[in-house]
């Protein structure tokens, strides 16, 4: 019998804003407002990638949306 390799899903999924908009239903303006207002804090909900683009932690955002994760305040 062959064994299948065990795959584990990463807990952090860093994505660009278009994916956040698509997956959450928030507008780009709403996403940036949460970032700028400190609701979603740097390092936890978003980071600046080495190329300067802002990436968002979709897993954390989805947990925050369901009430399972507090904001960065």
Protein backbone atom coordinates (compact mmCIF):
# COMPACT_ATOMS: atom_id res chain seq x y z
CA UNK A 1 0.00 0.00 0.00
CA UNK A 2 1.36 3.43 -0.99
CA UNK A 3 1.45 6.21 1.51
CA UNK A 4 0.39 9.70 0.58
CA UNK A 5 2.63 12.46 1.84
CA UNK A 6 1.06 14.48 4.61
CA UNK A 7 0.33 18.04 3.56
CA UNK A 8 -0.27 20.74 6.11
CA UNK A 9 -1.91 23.99 5.18
CA UNK A 10 0.02 27.09 6.17
CA UNK A 11 -1.61 29.13 8.91
CA UNK A 12 -0.58 32.38 7.26
CA UNK A 13 -1.67 33.15 3.74
CA UNK A 14 -0.26 36.44 2.47
CA UNK A 15 -2.19 37.81 -0.50
CA UNK A 16 -2.59 41.04 -2.44
CA UNK A 17 -5.55 43.34 -1.90
CA UNK A 18 -7.55 42.04 -4.89
CA UNK A 19 -7.75 38.62 -3.23
CA UNK A 20 -8.81 40.18 0.09
CA UNK A 21 -11.56 42.10 -1.72
CA UNK A 22 -12.70 38.97 -3.57
CA UNK A 23 -12.68 36.72 -0.50
CA UNK A 24 -14.16 39.11 2.08
CA UNK A 25 -16.50 41.35 0.14
CA UNK A 26 -14.84 44.47 1.54
CA UNK A 27 -14.03 47.23 -0.95
CA UNK A 28 -10.43 48.33 -1.48
CA UNK A 29 -11.25 51.55 0.38
CA UNK A 30 -12.59 49.57 3.36
CA UNK A 31 -9.48 47.36 3.45
CA UNK A 32 -7.15 50.35 3.34
CA UNK A 33 -9.24 52.14 5.99
CA UNK A 34 -8.84 49.17 8.36
CA UNK A 35 -5.08 49.18 7.66
CA UNK A 36 -4.69 52.94 8.07
CA UNK A 37 -6.95 53.14 11.12
CA UNK A 38 -5.01 50.45 12.96
CA UNK A 39 -7.84 47.95 13.03
CA UNK A 40 -5.58 45.59 11.06
CA UNK A 41 -2.07 46.06 12.41
CA UNK A 42 1.25 45.75 10.60
CA UNK A 43 2.93 42.40 11.08
CA UNK A 44 -0.28 40.68 12.07
CA UNK A 45 -2.79 41.57 9.37
CA UNK A 46 -0.52 43.09 6.75
CA UNK A 47 3.15 43.44 5.85
CA UNK A 48 5.18 45.18 3.20
CA UNK A 49 6.73 42.58 0.91
CA UNK A 50 10.37 42.90 -0.16
CA UNK A 51 9.22 44.41 -3.45
CA UNK A 52 7.31 47.16 -1.64
CA UNK A 53 3.82 45.77 -2.22
CA UNK A 54 1.44 45.48 0.70
CA UNK A 55 0.28 41.93 1.38
CA UNK A 56 -2.49 40.90 3.73
CA UNK A 57 -2.82 37.84 5.94
CA UNK A 58 -6.07 36.39 4.63
CA UNK A 59 -6.25 33.73 7.35
CA UNK A 60 -6.07 36.35 10.11
CA UNK A 61 -8.59 38.60 8.37
CA UNK A 62 -11.07 35.74 8.00
CA UNK A 63 -10.62 34.79 11.66
CA UNK A 64 -11.11 38.45 12.64
CA UNK A 65 -14.30 38.59 10.56
CA UNK A 66 -15.72 35.56 12.37
CA UNK A 67 -14.94 37.08 15.76
CA UNK A 68 -12.15 34.63 16.52
CA UNK A 69 -9.33 37.16 16.49
CA UNK A 70 -9.19 40.62 18.00
CA UNK A 71 -7.88 43.62 16.12
CA UNK A 72 -4.50 45.08 16.85
CA UNK A 73 -5.59 47.71 19.37
